[in-house]
Amino acid sequence: MATNEPDAKQTNANQELFDATMRETRETLAEWGEEPSRIIGKWTLLSFIIASAMLVGVYFVSTIATPQFTTAIPNILGEPHLQDVVRVFFRNMLVLALHAFVCVAGFMAMRALPEQVKYKSGIDRWVHEHASPFAMVFVSAATAFSIVTQIWILGHGVADIAYTLRLSNWELMLTVLPHALLELTAVFLPLAAFLLASRSHDWHKLLAATIVTVSVAVPTIIVAAFMEAYLWPVTLQNLHF
């Protein structure tokens, strides 16, 4: 039986890319393991800046929003429950998953697709040669849309909760800072890693960055979820009554 040569070449290309990806990821993790605080520190600083800018945007939106009475307020009149922690945790995990996808998409667009060009021909080759910029534009636009949407929704939420609890917007913002800065810095870690990698064109390091940033972010999100569910209502109760 004759061997299908194009299929064989594609299989070899996929295997070569997989082997190279695993090797580069292991080497990157080993390199970062020698000075993890420096690497994670860079990501954390940039992520903190993004989180702070987002909170400034939330406050600005809250000042221009028309506040309305809402029942969607923290449980300040009763005992907090573990289900509150779970709800907050999964909400933030969805955002973290989106930003982790940015890292993976960046790797696929800027590392995987160009590597396979030499194995392609015709229109398939043209697609692989030109897909990377379009993919990056889509990922960037989706990320920007997500952040702007979150700022808009959270800003209106701040206005409504502050109005309902008879607090000023800045008073409410001060109460959310401890857990908000912690959770937002955590969920933006993959995005920060992506931005730093894109600046130095270290696209081959993005899978390792995804692994490390998610591993750091998840326990941080858990801590922030407990703070939001158990400590934030107490703070609001002391201010409201």
Protein backbone atom coordinates (compact mmCIF):
# COMPACT_ATOMS: atom_id res chain seq x y z
CA MET A 1 0.00 0.00 0.00
CA ALA A 2 1.41 3.40 -0.97
CA THR A 3 2.11 5.93 1.76
CA ASN A 4 0.19 9.18 1.62
CA GLU A 5 3.16 11.56 1.53
CA PRO A 6 1.34 14.81 2.47
CA ASP A 7 -0.28 13.13 5.48
CA ALA A 8 3.06 11.68 6.53
CA LYS A 9 4.71 15.10 6.29
CA GLN A 10 1.92 16.68 8.33
CA THR A 11 2.23 13.99 10.98
CA ASN A 12 5.97 14.55 11.17
CA ALA A 13 5.44 18.31 11.37
CA ASN A 14 2.97 17.95 14.24
CA GLN A 15 5.29 15.60 16.09
CA GLU A 16 8.27 17.89 15.60
CA LEU A 17 6.29 20.87 16.85
CA PHE A 18 5.04 18.92 19.86
CA ASP A 19 8.55 17.74 20.75
CA ALA A 20 9.95 21.26 20.33
CA THR A 21 7.16 22.72 22.45
CA MET A 22 7.74 20.26 25.27
CA ARG A 23 11.49 20.83 25.15
CA GLU A 24 11.17 24.62 25.13
CA THR A 25 8.62 24.57 27.94
CA ARG A 26 10.82 22.35 30.12
CA GLU A 27 13.85 24.53 29.43
CA THR A 28 11.89 27.70 30.21
CA LEU A 29 10.55 26.30 33.48
CA ALA A 30 14.07 25.23 34.46
CA GLU A 31 15.43 28.67 33.61
CA TRP A 32 12.76 30.45 35.62
CA GLY A 33 13.21 28.03 38.49
CA GLU A 34 16.67 29.47 39.09
CA GLU A 35 15.23 32.89 39.99
CA PRO A 36 11.45 32.56 40.28
CA SER A 37 10.97 35.71 42.38
CA ARG A 38 12.38 37.93 39.61
CA ILE A 39 10.16 36.43 36.91
CA ILE A 40 6.98 36.33 38.98
CA GLY A 41 7.78 39.76 40.37
CA LYS A 42 7.76 41.29 36.88
CA TRP A 43 4.43 39.70 36.07
CA THR A 44 2.95 40.72 39.41
CA LEU A 45 4.04 44.34 39.08
CA LEU A 46 2.55 44.72 35.60
CA SER A 47 -0.59 42.83 36.64
CA PHE A 48 -0.96 45.10 39.69
CA ILE A 49 -0.71 48.16 37.44
CA ILE A 50 -3.40 46.77 35.12
CA ALA A 51 -5.63 45.92 38.10
CA SER A 52 -5.18 49.41 39.57
CA ALA A 53 -6.00 51.04 36.23
CA MET A 54 -9.10 48.88 35.97
CA LEU A 55 -10.30 49.94 39.43
CA VAL A 56 -9.78 53.58 38.51
CA GLY A 57 -11.96 52.94 35.47
CA VAL A 58 -14.59 51.27 37.65
CA TYR A 59 -14.70 54.27 39.95
CA PHE A 60 -14.99 56.67 37.00
CA VAL A 61 -17.91 54.68 35.55
CA SER A 62 -19.60 54.64 38.98
CA THR A 63 -19.50 58.45 39.06
CA ILE A 64 -21.31 58.81 35.72
CA ALA A 65 -23.75 55.92 36.21
CA THR A 66 -27.32 56.53 37.35
CA PRO A 67 -27.59 54.58 40.62
CA GLN A 68 -30.57 52.38 41.33
CA PHE A 69 -31.69 50.40 44.33
CA THR A 70 -30.42 46.83 44.14
CA THR A 71 -30.82 43.60 46.08
CA ALA A 72 -27.51 42.28 44.72
CA ILE A 73 -25.50 43.33 47.77
CA PRO A 74 -23.12 41.37 50.02
CA ASN A 75 -24.65 39.37 52.84
CA ILE A 76 -24.22 42.01 55.55
CA LEU A 77 -27.29 40.97 57.54
CA GLY A 78 -26.48 37.29 58.00
CA GLU A 79 -23.70 34.77 58.34
CA PRO A 80 -21.54 34.24 55.25
CA HIS A 81 -21.63 30.80 53.67
CA LEU A 82 -19.12 28.67 51.85
CA GLN A 83 -21.32 28.85 48.76
CA ASP A 84 -20.53 32.58 48.63
CA VAL A 85 -16.84 31.70 48.42
CA VAL A 86 -17.51 29.16 45.67
CA ARG A 87 -19.56 31.67 43.68
CA VAL A 88 -16.83 34.33 43.84
CA PHE A 89 -14.14 31.76 43.10
CA PHE A 90 -15.78 30.47 39.93
CA ARG A 91 -16.56 34.00 38.74
CA ASN A 92 -12.90 34.92 38.97
CA MET A 93 -11.79 31.60 37.50
CA LEU A 94 -13.74 32.39 34.35
CA VAL A 95 -11.78 35.62 33.95
CA LEU A 96 -8.52 33.82 34.69
CA ALA A 97 -9.37 31.19 32.07
CA LEU A 98 -9.93 33.93 29.49
CA HIS A 99 -6.54 35.49 30.17
CA ALA A 100 -4.83 32.09 30.20
CA PHE A 101 -6.38 31.52 26.78
CA VAL A 102 -4.65 34.72 25.62
CA CYS A 103 -1.29 33.13 26.45
CA VAL A 104 -2.14 29.89 24.66
CA ALA A 105 -3.58 31.74 21.66
CA GLY A 106 -0.44 33.86 21.46
CA PHE A 107 1.67 30.72 21.38
CA MET A 108 -0.48 29.14 18.70
CA ALA A 109 -0.54 32.27 16.53
CA MET A 110 3.09 33.35 16.83
CA ARG A 111 4.90 30.06 17.45
CA ALA A 112 2.90 27.11 16.15
CA LEU A 113 1.43 28.50 12.93
CA PRO A 114 4.68 29.97 11.51
CA GLU A 115 6.52 26.73 12.30
CA GLN A 116 4.16 24.73 10.09
CA VAL A 117 4.39 27.01 7.04
CA LYS A 118 7.23 25.00 5.49
CA TYR A 119 5.05 21.90 5.44
CA LYS A 120 2.15 23.63 3.68
CA SER A 121 1.42 24.50 0.07
CA GLY A 122 -1.14 26.46 -1.91
CA ILE A 123 -3.90 28.25 -0.07
CA ASP A 124 -3.15 26.30 3.11
CA ARG A 125 0.35 27.79 3.12
CA TRP A 126 -1.02 31.29 2.50
CA VAL A 127 -3.41 30.93 5.45
CA HIS A 128 -0.59 29.84 7.77
CA GLU A 129 1.62 32.69 6.57
CA HIS A 130 -0.99 35.40 7.18
CA ALA A 131 -3.09 34.01 10.02
CA SER A 132 -0.81 35.11 12.86
CA PRO A 133 -1.47 38.88 12.66
CA PHE A 134 -5.22 38.35 12.31
CA ALA A 135 -5.23 35.96 15.26
CA MET A 136 -3.37 38.45 17.43
CA VAL A 137 -5.77 41.24 16.45
CA PHE A 138 -8.72 39.03 17.39
CA VAL A 139 -7.19 38.03 20.74
CA SER A 140 -6.31 41.65 21.54
CA ALA A 141 -9.78 42.89 20.60
CA ALA A 142 -11.49 40.14 22.64
CA THR A 143 -9.33 40.93 25.67
CA ALA A 144 -9.94 44.67 25.41
CA PHE A 145 -13.68 44.09 25.01
CA SER A 146 -13.69 41.85 28.10
CA ILE A 147 -11.87 44.41 30.24
CA VAL A 148 -14.03 47.33 29.09
CA THR A 149 -17.19 45.28 29.68
CA GLN A 150 -16.04 44.34 33.19
CA ILE A 151 -15.25 47.98 33.99
CA TRP A 152 -18.69 49.07 32.79
CA ILE A 153 -20.59 46.37 34.67
CA LEU A 154 -18.59 46.72 37.89
CA GLY A 155 -18.85 50.51 37.76
CA HIS A 156 -22.63 50.34 37.62
CA GLY A 157 -22.57 47.72 40.36
CA VAL A 158 -20.55 50.03 42.62
CA ALA A 159 -22.98 52.89 41.98
CA ASP A 160 -26.00 50.71 42.77
CA ILE A 161 -24.56 49.13 45.93
CA ALA A 162 -23.30 52.47 47.25
CA TYR A 163 -26.72 54.02 46.65
CA THR A 164 -28.52 51.12 48.32
CA LEU A 165 -26.25 51.16 51.39
CA ARG A 166 -26.20 54.98 51.57
CA LEU A 167 -22.45 55.14 51.06
CA SER A 168 -20.43 57.33 48.77
CA ASN A 169 -18.81 55.68 45.78
CA TRP A 170 -15.31 56.28 47.09
CA GLU A 171 -16.22 54.79 50.49
CA LEU A 172 -17.46 51.63 48.81
CA MET A 173 -14.38 51.49 46.59
CA LEU A 174 -12.14 51.67 49.64
CA THR A 175 -13.91 48.67 51.15
CA VAL A 176 -13.35 46.53 48.04
CA LEU A 177 -9.67 47.40 47.57
CA PRO A 178 -8.22 44.63 49.80
CA HIS A 179 -9.85 41.72 47.97
CA ALA A 180 -10.30 43.42 44.60
CA LEU A 181 -6.63 44.28 44.15
CA LEU A 182 -5.66 40.77 45.22
CA GLU A 183 -8.05 38.94 42.89
CA LEU A 184 -7.57 41.27 39.93
CA THR A 185 -3.79 41.08 40.19
CA ALA A 186 -4.14 37.29 40.19
CA VAL A 187 -6.49 37.04 37.20
CA PHE A 188 -4.35 39.45 35.15
CA LEU A 189 -1.12 37.50 35.69
CA PRO A 190 -1.39 35.53 32.41
CA LEU A 191 -2.15 38.72 30.52
CA ALA A 192 0.88 40.41 32.08
CA ALA A 193 3.07 37.45 31.12
CA PHE A 194 1.71 37.64 27.57
CA LEU A 195 2.45 41.36 27.28
CA LEU A 196 6.02 40.95 28.55
CA ALA A 197 6.64 37.97 26.25
CA SER A 198 5.27 39.86 23.26
CA ARG A 199 7.59 42.78 23.95
CA SER A 200 10.66 40.50 23.79
CA HIS A 201 9.13 38.15 21.17
CA ASP A 202 9.53 35.17 23.51
CA TRP A 203 6.50 33.44 22.06
CA HIS A 204 7.94 29.99 22.77
CA LYS A 205 7.76 30.74 26.51
CA LEU A 206 4.02 31.37 26.61
CA LEU A 207 2.98 27.82 27.49
CA ALA A 208 5.36 27.82 30.44
CA ALA A 209 4.02 31.25 31.40
CA THR A 210 0.47 29.88 31.32
CA ILE A 211 1.39 27.02 33.64
CA VAL A 212 3.19 29.22 36.16
CA THR A 213 0.75 32.14 36.21
CA VAL A 214 -2.30 29.91 36.63
CA SER A 215 -0.54 27.94 39.39
CA VAL A 216 0.16 31.19 41.25
CA ALA A 217 -3.21 32.77 40.53
CA VAL A 218 -5.52 29.96 41.68
CA PRO A 219 -4.55 29.92 45.39
CA THR A 220 -4.52 33.72 45.40
CA ILE A 221 -8.05 33.76 43.99
CA ILE A 222 -9.15 31.35 46.74
CA VAL A 223 -7.78 33.69 49.43
CA ALA A 224 -9.45 36.69 47.79
CA ALA A 225 -12.76 34.80 47.60
CA PHE A 226 -12.71 34.12 51.34
CA MET A 227 -11.89 37.78 51.99
CA GLU A 228 -14.77 38.94 49.81
CA ALA A 229 -17.27 36.51 51.32
CA TYR A 230 -16.29 36.77 54.98
CA LEU A 231 -14.50 40.10 55.58
CA TRP A 232 -16.06 42.53 53.10
CA PRO A 233 -19.65 42.17 54.49
CA VAL A 234 -18.35 42.92 58.00
CA THR A 235 -16.67 46.09 56.77
CA LEU A 236 -19.81 47.20 54.98
CA GLN A 237 -21.95 46.43 58.01
CA ASN A 238 -19.74 48.64 60.21
CA LEU A 239 -20.05 51.49 57.73
CA HIS A 240 -23.75 51.09 57.01
CA PHE A 241 -25.08 50.84 60.55
